[in-house]
Amino acid sequence: MYQILLKEDLVVKVHLFKIAAPNVAGKARAGQFVIIRIDEKGERIPLTIADWDRKEGSVTVVFMEVGTTTHRLAELKKGDGIANFIGPLGKPTHIDNFGTVVCVAGGFAVATIYPIARALREKGNRVISIMGARSKDLIFWEDRLRSVSNQLIVTTDDGSYGRKGLVTEPLKELLEAGGVDRVIAIGPSIMMKFSAKTTEPFGVKTIVSLNPIMVDGTGMCGCCRVSVGGATRFVCVDGPDFDGHEVDWDLLLARQRTYLDEEKLSFEQYQSRGKSGP
């Protein structure tokens, strides 16, 4: 069992776990993920590594309550254990001195973009970060992201905090001003799609971190296949980072809806059991 060393409720339905996993912590790099399973009867789900402490032997993950497994995960407390915590998986984000990099985070993906922005800053890049949420009460880790960025822009859909609007608006303005060498956009698929559409006319390399349905995380099940540049790729072993201008977004969005009925039924059964059991 992998013990939960720390639990924090960041905002509504978004939680942080620090997990004792020294082997994973020893090899983790920005952009990678883990596959977790709560118990022997639970499903496997991928969670991006938000941070790690090699000395302590801990790995930090941030997750949102969406379906049955993430709701069950949110019920756990400090001191509880998780049956499986496998990683680090996937290829780490390519970090180099590109020049000026704009990091765009939608929603709780700020936890994913944070270690990437940190690694880019340590490599000597000028990092401009844009973080967006629907409203002020869903903003978290602003100070963390600001600490690893040369400039931070915050947007909210309703204008309750920062700048009113979508993350693509300040992104376009930065591109129009010139001098942007690379963009890394992470968040909901629709947000990443339109971020890539925004950068495409400017010819700026845009990296996205894809989040398809995933089961085993080793490339054997094939559930996470996506089309990139007209070729089939497996996110768990070929990604999760890809060129956003080459992703078949319509296919990705369609595949993400494959099991909506089953996921709904699972959650209804979970609720009917009084939120207990697998």
Protein backbone atom coordinates (compact mmCIF):
# COMPACT_ATOMS: atom_id res chain seq x y z
CA MET A 1 0.00 0.00 0.00
CA TYR A 2 1.09 3.56 -0.76
CA GLN A 3 0.37 5.80 2.20
CA ILE A 4 -1.22 9.24 1.89
CA LEU A 5 1.13 11.61 3.74
CA LEU A 6 -0.92 14.74 3.17
CA LYS A 7 -4.38 15.63 1.91
CA GLU A 8 -5.45 19.16 1.00
CA ASP A 9 -8.80 20.31 -0.35
CA LEU A 10 -7.69 23.01 -2.79
CA VAL A 11 -11.04 24.22 -4.12
CA VAL A 12 -14.47 22.64 -4.50
CA LYS A 13 -14.04 19.06 -5.76
CA VAL A 14 -10.28 19.48 -6.36
CA HIS A 15 -7.91 17.72 -3.96
CA LEU A 16 -4.20 17.26 -3.42
CA PHE A 17 -2.57 14.06 -2.17
CA LYS A 18 1.07 13.68 -1.24
CA ILE A 19 1.87 9.98 -1.54
CA ALA A 20 4.80 8.03 -0.12
CA ALA A 21 6.31 6.53 -3.29
CA PRO A 22 10.12 6.77 -3.17
CA ASN A 23 10.76 4.78 -6.36
CA VAL A 24 8.43 7.02 -8.36
CA ALA A 25 9.78 10.19 -6.75
CA GLY A 26 13.32 9.15 -7.57
CA LYS A 27 12.68 9.14 -11.31
CA ALA A 28 9.77 11.58 -11.82
CA ARG A 29 10.13 14.38 -14.36
CA ALA A 30 7.85 17.19 -15.48
CA GLY A 31 5.00 16.06 -17.70
CA GLN A 32 4.86 12.43 -16.57
CA PHE A 33 1.97 10.64 -14.88
CA VAL A 34 1.08 7.70 -12.66
CA ILE A 35 -1.62 5.03 -12.85
CA ILE A 36 -3.37 4.50 -9.54
CA ARG A 37 -5.84 1.94 -8.23
CA ILE A 38 -7.51 2.42 -4.86
CA ASP A 39 -7.95 -1.29 -4.11
CA GLU A 40 -7.95 -4.68 -5.81
CA LYS A 41 -11.47 -4.17 -7.17
CA GLY A 42 -10.96 -0.59 -8.31
CA GLU A 43 -10.40 0.72 -11.82
CA ARG A 44 -7.08 2.14 -12.98
CA ILE A 45 -6.97 5.87 -13.64
CA PRO A 46 -4.12 8.16 -14.75
CA LEU A 47 -3.09 11.17 -12.66
CA THR A 48 -0.45 13.67 -13.71
CA ILE A 49 2.49 14.18 -11.36
CA ALA A 50 2.15 17.71 -9.96
CA ASP A 51 5.33 17.67 -7.85
CA TRP A 52 7.79 15.38 -6.11
CA ASP A 53 10.34 15.38 -3.31
CA ARG A 54 13.18 12.95 -3.95
CA LYS A 55 14.61 13.34 -0.43
CA GLU A 56 11.26 12.70 1.26
CA GLY A 57 10.34 10.05 -1.28
CA SER A 58 6.96 11.58 -1.98
CA VAL A 59 4.90 12.37 -5.07
CA THR A 60 2.13 14.97 -5.23
CA VAL A 61 -0.96 14.50 -7.39
CA VAL A 62 -3.95 16.79 -7.84
CA PHE A 63 -7.29 15.45 -9.02
CA MET A 64 -10.87 16.57 -9.58
CA GLU A 65 -13.95 14.64 -8.56
CA VAL A 66 -15.50 13.59 -11.86
CA GLY A 67 -16.59 9.95 -11.75
CA THR A 68 -16.87 7.05 -9.33
CA THR A 69 -13.15 6.47 -8.78
CA THR A 70 -12.22 10.10 -8.19
CA HIS A 71 -15.14 10.50 -5.78
CA ARG A 72 -13.98 7.40 -3.92
CA LEU A 73 -10.44 8.76 -3.92
CA ALA A 74 -11.69 12.00 -2.35
CA GLU A 75 -13.11 10.01 0.58
CA LEU A 76 -9.63 8.87 1.63
CA LYS A 77 -7.78 10.64 4.43
CA LYS A 78 -4.21 11.21 5.54
CA GLY A 79 -2.78 7.88 6.69
CA ASP A 80 -4.95 5.82 4.34
CA GLY A 81 -3.33 3.69 1.66
CA ILE A 82 -3.71 3.23 -2.09
CA ALA A 83 -3.19 -0.28 -3.49
CA ASN A 84 -1.33 0.67 -6.68
CA PHE A 85 0.70 3.76 -7.59
CA ILE A 86 2.62 2.98 -10.76
CA GLY A 87 5.02 5.33 -12.51
CA PRO A 88 6.49 7.51 -13.64
CA LEU A 89 4.83 6.76 -16.96
CA GLY A 90 4.87 8.54 -20.29
CA LYS A 91 7.61 10.63 -21.83
CA PRO A 92 8.63 13.72 -19.85
CA THR A 93 8.05 17.12 -21.39
CA HIS A 94 10.93 18.17 -23.62
CA ILE A 95 12.75 20.93 -21.74
CA ASP A 96 15.31 23.14 -23.44
CA ASN A 97 16.25 26.80 -23.65
CA PHE A 98 13.72 27.81 -26.29
CA GLY A 99 13.65 31.53 -25.43
CA THR A 100 10.20 32.81 -24.49
CA VAL A 101 7.66 30.13 -23.64
CA VAL A 102 3.99 30.74 -22.91
CA CYS A 103 2.49 28.14 -20.56
CA VAL A 104 -1.31 28.01 -20.70
CA ALA A 105 -3.26 26.17 -18.00
CA GLY A 106 -7.01 25.64 -18.05
CA GLY A 107 -8.83 24.78 -14.84
CA PHE A 108 -7.08 22.42 -12.44
CA ALA A 109 -4.35 21.79 -15.05
CA VAL A 110 -2.38 24.51 -13.27
CA ALA A 111 -1.07 21.60 -11.18
CA THR A 112 0.17 19.94 -14.37
CA ILE A 113 1.76 23.04 -15.88
CA TYR A 114 3.53 24.09 -12.65
CA PRO A 115 6.45 21.59 -12.75
CA ILE A 116 6.83 22.21 -16.48
CA ALA A 117 7.03 25.98 -16.03
CA ARG A 118 9.51 25.45 -13.20
CA ALA A 119 11.74 23.24 -15.35
CA LEU A 120 11.59 25.72 -18.24
CA ARG A 121 12.52 28.61 -15.95
CA GLU A 122 15.43 26.63 -14.48
CA LYS A 123 16.64 26.04 -18.05
CA GLY A 124 16.85 29.79 -18.64
CA ASN A 125 13.64 30.44 -20.53
CA ARG A 126 11.49 33.52 -20.13
CA VAL A 127 8.23 31.98 -18.94
CA ILE A 128 4.89 33.72 -19.38
CA SER A 129 2.07 31.78 -17.75
CA ILE A 130 -1.66 32.11 -18.35
CA MET A 131 -4.03 30.36 -15.96
CA GLY A 132 -7.78 30.35 -16.36
CA ALA A 133 -10.83 29.16 -14.48
CA ARG A 134 -14.57 29.62 -14.63
CA SER A 135 -14.59 31.82 -11.51
CA LYS A 136 -12.44 33.11 -8.63
CA ASP A 137 -13.45 30.31 -6.25
CA LEU A 138 -11.84 27.75 -8.59
CA ILE A 139 -8.42 29.43 -8.64
CA PHE A 140 -5.58 27.69 -6.79
CA TRP A 141 -1.76 27.54 -6.90
CA GLU A 142 -1.59 31.09 -8.26
CA ASP A 143 1.36 31.90 -6.00
CA ARG A 144 3.17 28.70 -6.97
CA LEU A 145 2.83 29.38 -10.68
CA ARG A 146 3.80 33.02 -10.23
CA SER A 147 6.98 31.97 -8.40
CA VAL A 148 8.25 30.11 -11.49
CA SER A 149 7.03 32.60 -14.10
CA ASN A 150 8.42 35.90 -15.34
CA GLN A 151 4.85 37.03 -15.92
CA LEU A 152 1.51 35.59 -14.88
CA ILE A 153 -1.88 36.37 -16.42
CA VAL A 154 -5.04 35.15 -14.67
CA THR A 155 -8.39 34.92 -16.44
CA THR A 156 -11.87 33.94 -15.29
CA ASP A 157 -14.84 33.27 -17.51
CA ASP A 158 -17.15 35.42 -15.37
CA GLY A 159 -14.66 38.19 -14.58
CA SER A 160 -14.79 37.55 -10.82
CA TYR A 161 -10.99 37.61 -10.64
CA GLY A 162 -8.16 38.70 -12.89
CA ARG A 163 -9.08 39.37 -16.47
CA LYS A 164 -12.51 38.43 -17.80
CA GLY A 165 -12.41 36.05 -20.73
CA LEU A 166 -10.81 32.88 -22.02
CA VAL A 167 -7.11 31.99 -21.89
CA THR A 168 -6.92 32.16 -25.68
CA GLU A 169 -7.48 35.93 -25.64
CA PRO A 170 -4.25 36.97 -23.86
CA LEU A 171 -2.49 34.14 -25.71
CA LYS A 172 -3.42 35.74 -29.04
CA GLU A 173 -2.28 39.15 -27.84
CA LEU A 174 1.12 37.78 -26.84
CA LEU A 175 1.47 36.11 -30.22
CA GLU A 176 0.54 39.32 -32.01
CA ALA A 177 3.17 41.21 -30.01
CA GLY A 178 5.78 38.74 -31.27
CA GLY A 179 8.75 37.08 -29.67
CA VAL A 180 7.01 33.89 -28.52
CA ASP A 181 9.14 30.84 -29.31
CA ARG A 182 6.94 28.05 -27.95
CA VAL A 183 3.55 27.49 -26.34
CA ILE A 184 2.61 24.69 -23.96
CA ALA A 185 -1.15 24.38 -23.38
CA ILE A 186 -2.67 21.95 -20.90
CA GLY A 187 -6.27 21.64 -19.76
CA PRO A 188 -9.61 20.38 -21.05
CA SER A 189 -9.36 19.04 -24.60
CA ILE A 190 -11.57 21.77 -26.03
CA MET A 191 -9.33 24.42 -24.45
CA MET A 192 -6.19 22.79 -25.85
CA LYS A 193 -7.82 22.51 -29.28
CA PHE A 194 -8.58 26.23 -29.45
CA SER A 195 -5.20 27.18 -28.00
CA ALA A 196 -3.60 25.24 -30.87
CA LYS A 197 -5.97 26.89 -33.34
CA THR A 198 -4.94 30.28 -31.94
CA THR A 199 -1.21 29.65 -32.38
CA GLU A 200 -1.38 27.93 -35.76
CA PRO A 201 -1.59 31.10 -37.91
CA PHE A 202 1.54 32.40 -36.16
CA GLY A 203 3.55 29.25 -36.82
CA VAL A 204 4.53 28.88 -33.15
CA LYS A 205 5.24 25.32 -31.99
CA THR A 206 2.49 24.32 -29.59
CA ILE A 207 2.72 21.34 -27.26
CA VAL A 208 -0.38 19.84 -25.64
CA SER A 209 -0.76 17.09 -23.05
CA LEU A 210 -3.53 14.74 -24.16
CA ASN A 211 -5.98 13.09 -21.79
CA PRO A 212 -7.83 10.25 -23.54
CA ILE A 213 -9.37 7.22 -21.88
CA MET A 214 -6.52 5.15 -20.44
CA VAL A 215 -6.47 1.75 -18.71
CA ASP A 216 -3.11 0.03 -18.31
CA GLY A 217 -0.67 2.85 -19.14
CA THR A 218 1.78 0.56 -20.93
CA GLY A 219 0.46 0.59 -24.51
CA MET A 220 -1.07 -2.91 -24.40
CA CYS A 221 -4.79 -2.09 -24.13
CA GLY A 222 -4.92 0.48 -26.94
CA CYS A 223 -7.60 2.58 -25.25
CA CYS A 224 -5.52 5.75 -25.36
CA ARG A 225 -4.89 5.73 -29.09
CA VAL A 226 -5.06 9.08 -30.82
CA SER A 227 -4.37 10.33 -34.33
CA VAL A 228 -1.43 12.72 -34.61
CA GLY A 229 -0.19 13.84 -38.00
CA GLY A 230 -2.35 11.15 -39.61
CA ALA A 231 -0.67 8.34 -37.66
CA THR A 232 -1.98 6.36 -34.70
CA ARG A 233 -0.16 7.08 -31.46
CA PHE A 234 -0.62 5.76 -27.92
CA VAL A 235 -0.67 8.55 -25.36
CA CYS A 236 0.68 6.41 -22.52
CA VAL A 237 3.93 5.49 -24.27
CA ASP A 238 4.28 7.98 -27.14
CA GLY A 239 3.02 10.96 -25.11
CA PRO A 240 1.28 12.47 -23.30
CA ASP A 241 2.84 15.50 -25.07
CA PHE A 242 2.18 16.02 -28.77
CA ASP A 243 2.25 18.79 -31.35
CA GLY A 244 -1.14 20.45 -30.97
CA HIS A 245 -1.24 21.40 -34.64
CA GLU A 246 -1.15 17.73 -35.66
CA VAL A 247 -3.74 16.29 -33.26
CA ASP A 248 -7.08 15.11 -34.67
CA TRP A 249 -9.12 16.91 -32.04
CA ASP A 250 -12.53 15.82 -33.29
CA LEU A 251 -11.52 12.16 -33.02
CA LEU A 252 -10.07 12.67 -29.54
CA LEU A 253 -13.21 14.42 -28.29
CA ALA A 254 -15.40 11.68 -29.76
CA ARG A 255 -13.35 8.90 -28.14
CA GLN A 256 -13.52 10.63 -24.75
CA ARG A 257 -17.32 10.21 -24.90
CA THR A 258 -17.17 6.47 -25.60
CA TYR A 259 -18.12 5.30 -22.11
CA LEU A 260 -20.31 8.17 -20.91
CA ASP A 261 -23.36 5.93 -20.37
CA GLU A 262 -21.35 3.34 -18.44
CA GLU A 263 -19.66 6.05 -16.36
CA LYS A 264 -23.04 7.56 -15.51
CA LEU A 265 -24.44 4.16 -14.49
CA SER A 266 -21.35 3.42 -12.37
CA PHE A 267 -21.71 6.71 -10.51
CA GLU A 268 -25.44 6.17 -9.93
CA GLN A 269 -24.71 2.74 -8.46
CA TYR A 270 -21.94 4.20 -6.30
CA GLN A 271 -24.32 6.81 -4.93
CA SER A 272 -27.06 4.25 -4.30
CA ARG A 273 -24.61 2.22 -2.16
CA GLY A 274 -24.11 5.19 0.09
CA LYS A 275 -20.73 6.10 -1.41
CA SER A 276 -19.00 2.97 -0.20
CA GLY A 277 -17.43 0.01 -1.89
CA PRO A 278 -15.86 -0.23 -5.38
